[in-house]
Each structure stands twice: as C-alpha cells, then as structure tokens.
Amino acid sequence: MKAIGIILGTVAVSCLALSMSFAQMLPPAHPGYPAKGVSPVTGQSTANDPGQSNGVGGATLEASQAFGGGKAVVNDVSDANNARITKSMGAGLLPQTDTMNTVTINPAGATSTVIN
C-alpha cells in the first residue's frame, strides 16, 4: 500500500513538473508593457515579456475583440418566469405575479420573540 502511494505521488509530481515546463513554451506573442529596466543584481530584463511592443491603439482593441472568435458564449438571461411578474415591489420584497402566493410571510422576529 505504501508503494502505491509513493508511485502515485511520483507520477503526480512528474505531471506537475511537465505541465509547468510546457506552459513556458505556450504563451502567445501579444503586445505587452515593455520595460527598459534591468536588474542591478543579475542584469536580466525586468519586463514580463521583453521585446514586445506596447499594447496601445486601435489594432490592439481589434485584436482583443477577435481573440475569442466563435468561442465567446452568449449570455442568455431570458427566463420564462419573468413574464409572470406583474409588479415589482422593491428591494427585498417578493414581486406581484399573475398567481399570487397565498402563504403569509412571517417577517423575521415578528412572532418568534413573543413570550406568552
């Protein structure tokens, strides 16, 4: 039983390490925020994506709109029950509907704190 745990743990850690290494190769080329600074200690660039152009202008907006393409989900919030509402009573109150609820609602604390 202990050997199975060790094997599964090793496989999980290996998969995590592989996914991290492959993720470094996958970022797309995109306009970023170029920084001209370099680290005083290591001399490496401090930009997240050095060499990229600055992300401003109309071309960047058009590229961002086209990014999702057909994968963008249309948020359809239509609900058939909304057609039943005849009058909105305000925040925190139930609306009037075509088939009004006949149950009387006990406001919090109206009769629950009464001591006989």
C-alpha atoms as a PDB file:
ATOM      1  CA  MET A   1       0.000   0.000   0.000  1.00  0.00           C
ATOM      2  CA  LYS A   2       2.868   2.318   0.796  1.00  0.00           C
ATOM      3  CA  ALA A   3       4.480   1.600  -2.575  1.00  0.00           C
ATOM      4  CA  ILE A   4       1.304   2.599  -4.442  1.00  0.00           C
ATOM      5  CA  GLY A   5       1.255   5.925  -2.597  1.00  0.00           C
ATOM      6  CA  ILE A   6       4.883   6.576  -3.466  1.00  0.00           C
ATOM      7  CA  ILE A   7       4.315   5.684  -7.133  1.00  0.00           C
ATOM      8  CA  LEU A   8       1.184   7.845  -7.415  1.00  0.00           C
ATOM      9  CA  GLY A   9       2.928  10.742  -5.684  1.00  0.00           C
ATOM     10  CA  THR A  10       5.891  10.467  -8.038  1.00  0.00           C
ATOM     11  CA  VAL A  11       3.606  10.401 -11.078  1.00  0.00           C
ATOM     12  CA  ALA A  12       1.650  13.436  -9.810  1.00  0.00           C
ATOM     13  CA  VAL A  13       4.791  15.472  -9.161  1.00  0.00           C
ATOM     14  CA  SER A  14       6.201  14.482 -12.564  1.00  0.00           C
ATOM     15  CA  CYS A  15       2.975  15.551 -14.314  1.00  0.00           C
ATOM     16  CA  LEU A  16       3.041  18.875 -12.481  1.00  0.00           C
ATOM     17  CA  ALA A  17       6.663  19.486 -13.454  1.00  0.00           C
ATOM     18  CA  LEU A  18       5.958  18.600 -17.103  1.00  0.00           C
ATOM     19  CA  SER A  19       2.919  20.866 -17.250  1.00  0.00           C
ATOM     20  CA  MET A  20       4.928  23.750 -15.828  1.00  0.00           C
ATOM     21  CA  SER A  21       7.723  23.269 -18.350  1.00  0.00           C
ATOM     22  CA  PHE A  22       5.317  23.025 -21.301  1.00  0.00           C
ATOM     23  CA  ALA A  23       3.408  26.088 -20.094  1.00  0.00           C
ATOM     24  CA  GLN A  24       6.549  28.175 -20.513  1.00  0.00           C
ATOM     25  CA  MET A  25       6.608  27.365 -24.231  1.00  0.00           C
ATOM     26  CA  LEU A  26       2.934  28.153 -24.911  1.00  0.00           C
ATOM     27  CA  PRO A  27       2.394  31.882 -24.250  1.00  0.00           C
ATOM     28  CA  PRO A  28       1.274  33.616 -27.456  1.00  0.00           C
ATOM     29  CA  ALA A  29       3.005  36.639 -28.893  1.00  0.00           C
ATOM     30  CA  HIS A  30       0.954  39.623 -27.783  1.00  0.00           C
ATOM     31  CA  PRO A  31       1.504  43.309 -27.195  1.00  0.00           C
ATOM     32  CA  GLY A  32       2.745  43.807 -23.675  1.00  0.00           C
ATOM     33  CA  TYR A  33       4.119  46.501 -21.451  1.00  0.00           C
ATOM     34  CA  PRO A  34       7.764  46.880 -22.340  1.00  0.00           C
ATOM     35  CA  ALA A  35      10.112  47.919 -19.586  1.00  0.00           C
ATOM     36  CA  LYS A  36      13.597  49.148 -20.254  1.00  0.00           C
ATOM     37  CA  GLY A  37      14.898  48.378 -16.774  1.00  0.00           C
ATOM     38  CA  VAL A  38      17.392  45.688 -15.944  1.00  0.00           C
ATOM     39  CA  SER A  39      18.042  44.029 -12.627  1.00  0.00           C
ATOM     40  CA  PRO A  40      21.101  45.523 -10.902  1.00  0.00           C
ATOM     41  CA  VAL A  41      21.913  42.119  -9.432  1.00  0.00           C
ATOM     42  CA  THR A  42      21.568  39.704 -12.353  1.00  0.00           C
ATOM     43  CA  GLY A  43      21.495  42.075 -15.333  1.00  0.00           C
ATOM     44  CA  GLN A  44      18.350  40.401 -16.691  1.00  0.00           C
ATOM     45  CA  SER A  45      15.459  42.372 -18.131  1.00  0.00           C
ATOM     46  CA  THR A  46      12.734  43.215 -15.620  1.00  0.00           C
ATOM     47  CA  ALA A  47       9.958  43.137 -18.250  1.00  0.00           C
ATOM     48  CA  ASN A  48       7.499  40.256 -18.194  1.00  0.00           C
ATOM     49  CA  ASP A  49       7.710  39.915 -21.956  1.00  0.00           C
ATOM     50  CA  PRO A  50      10.778  41.746 -23.245  1.00  0.00           C
ATOM     51  CA  GLY A  51      10.856  42.692 -26.902  1.00  0.00           C
ATOM     52  CA  GLN A  52       7.084  43.020 -27.263  1.00  0.00           C
ATOM     53  CA  SER A  53       5.511  46.231 -28.498  1.00  0.00           C
ATOM     54  CA  ASN A  54       3.406  48.382 -26.210  1.00  0.00           C
ATOM     55  CA  GLY A  55      -0.279  47.422 -26.143  1.00  0.00           C
ATOM     56  CA  VAL A  56      -1.996  50.654 -27.191  1.00  0.00           C
ATOM     57  CA  GLY A  57      -4.057  51.811 -30.150  1.00  0.00           C
ATOM     58  CA  GLY A  58      -6.867  50.564 -32.327  1.00  0.00           C
ATOM     59  CA  ALA A  59      -5.052  47.494 -33.587  1.00  0.00           C
ATOM     60  CA  THR A  60      -4.788  46.147 -30.055  1.00  0.00           C
ATOM     61  CA  LEU A  61      -8.508  46.659 -29.452  1.00  0.00           C
ATOM     62  CA  GLU A  62      -9.397  44.904 -32.700  1.00  0.00           C
ATOM     63  CA  ALA A  63      -7.108  42.010 -31.853  1.00  0.00           C
ATOM     64  CA  SER A  64      -8.667  41.654 -28.414  1.00  0.00           C
ATOM     65  CA  GLN A  65     -12.177  41.615 -29.895  1.00  0.00           C
ATOM     66  CA  ALA A  66     -11.226  38.936 -32.394  1.00  0.00           C
ATOM     67  CA  PHE A  67      -9.436  36.815 -29.787  1.00  0.00           C
ATOM     68  CA  GLY A  68     -12.469  34.840 -28.592  1.00  0.00           C
ATOM     69  CA  GLY A  69     -13.930  34.394 -32.054  1.00  0.00           C
ATOM     70  CA  GLY A  70     -16.728  31.863 -32.081  1.00  0.00           C
ATOM     71  CA  LYS A  71     -15.787  30.569 -28.637  1.00  0.00           C
ATOM     72  CA  ALA A  72     -17.428  33.510 -26.893  1.00  0.00           C
ATOM     73  CA  VAL A  73     -20.541  32.442 -25.034  1.00  0.00           C
ATOM     74  CA  VAL A  74     -23.714  34.445 -25.489  1.00  0.00           C
ATOM     75  CA  ASN A  75     -25.148  35.166 -22.061  1.00  0.00           C
ATOM     76  CA  ASP A  76     -28.858  34.470 -22.459  1.00  0.00           C
ATOM     77  CA  VAL A  77     -30.587  35.606 -19.283  1.00  0.00           C
ATOM     78  CA  SER A  78     -34.167  35.306 -20.522  1.00  0.00           C
ATOM     79  CA  ASP A  79     -36.387  33.425 -18.099  1.00  0.00           C
ATOM     80  CA  ALA A  80     -39.976  32.379 -18.733  1.00  0.00           C
ATOM     81  CA  ASN A  81     -40.866  33.072 -15.094  1.00  0.00           C
ATOM     82  CA  ASN A  82     -40.041  36.764 -15.522  1.00  0.00           C
ATOM     83  CA  ALA A  83     -43.103  37.101 -17.768  1.00  0.00           C
ATOM     84  CA  ARG A  84     -45.310  36.196 -14.780  1.00  0.00           C
ATOM     85  CA  ILE A  85     -44.248  39.276 -12.790  1.00  0.00           C
ATOM     86  CA  THR A  86     -46.941  41.945 -12.894  1.00  0.00           C
ATOM     87  CA  LYS A  87     -45.481  44.463 -10.425  1.00  0.00           C
ATOM     88  CA  SER A  88     -42.104  44.790  -8.730  1.00  0.00           C
ATOM     89  CA  MET A  89     -42.496  45.612  -5.045  1.00  0.00           C
ATOM     90  CA  GLY A  90     -38.949  46.866  -4.470  1.00  0.00           C
ATOM     91  CA  ALA A  91     -35.757  45.570  -2.967  1.00  0.00           C
ATOM     92  CA  GLY A  92     -36.110  42.707  -0.524  1.00  0.00           C
ATOM     93  CA  LEU A  93     -39.801  42.112  -1.252  1.00  0.00           C
ATOM     94  CA  LEU A  94     -41.437  39.455  -3.360  1.00  0.00           C
ATOM     95  CA  PRO A  95     -42.918  40.723  -6.634  1.00  0.00           C
ATOM     96  CA  GLN A  96     -46.585  40.500  -7.528  1.00  0.00           C
ATOM     97  CA  THR A  97     -47.221  37.720 -10.016  1.00  0.00           C
ATOM     98  CA  ASP A  98     -50.207  36.557 -12.021  1.00  0.00           C
ATOM     99  CA  THR A  99     -50.747  33.769  -9.481  1.00  0.00           C
ATOM    100  CA  MET A 100     -50.001  35.499  -6.188  1.00  0.00           C
ATOM    101  CA  ASN A 101     -48.636  33.430  -3.365  1.00  0.00           C
ATOM    102  CA  THR A 102     -51.327  32.761  -0.776  1.00  0.00           C
ATOM    103  CA  VAL A 103     -48.879  31.968   2.013  1.00  0.00           C
ATOM    104  CA  THR A 104     -48.491  34.779   4.532  1.00  0.00           C
ATOM    105  CA  ILE A 105     -44.865  35.551   5.176  1.00  0.00           C
ATOM    106  CA  ASN A 106     -43.805  35.976   8.790  1.00  0.00           C
ATOM    107  CA  PRO A 107     -41.259  38.810   8.981  1.00  0.00           C
ATOM    108  CA  ALA A 108     -38.189  37.853  10.970  1.00  0.00           C
ATOM    109  CA  GLY A 109     -38.825  38.283  14.656  1.00  0.00           C
ATOM    110  CA  ALA A 110     -42.487  39.347  14.398  1.00  0.00           C
ATOM    111  CA  THR A 111     -43.882  36.466  16.427  1.00  0.00           C
ATOM    112  CA  SER A 112     -40.864  34.325  17.126  1.00  0.00           C
ATOM    113  CA  THR A 113     -39.705  36.512  20.028  1.00  0.00           C
ATOM    114  CA  VAL A 114     -43.093  36.921  21.704  1.00  0.00           C
ATOM    115  CA  ILE A 115     -43.150  35.315  25.168  1.00  0.00           C
ATOM    116  CA  ASN A 116     -46.576  34.232  26.461  1.00  0.00           C
END
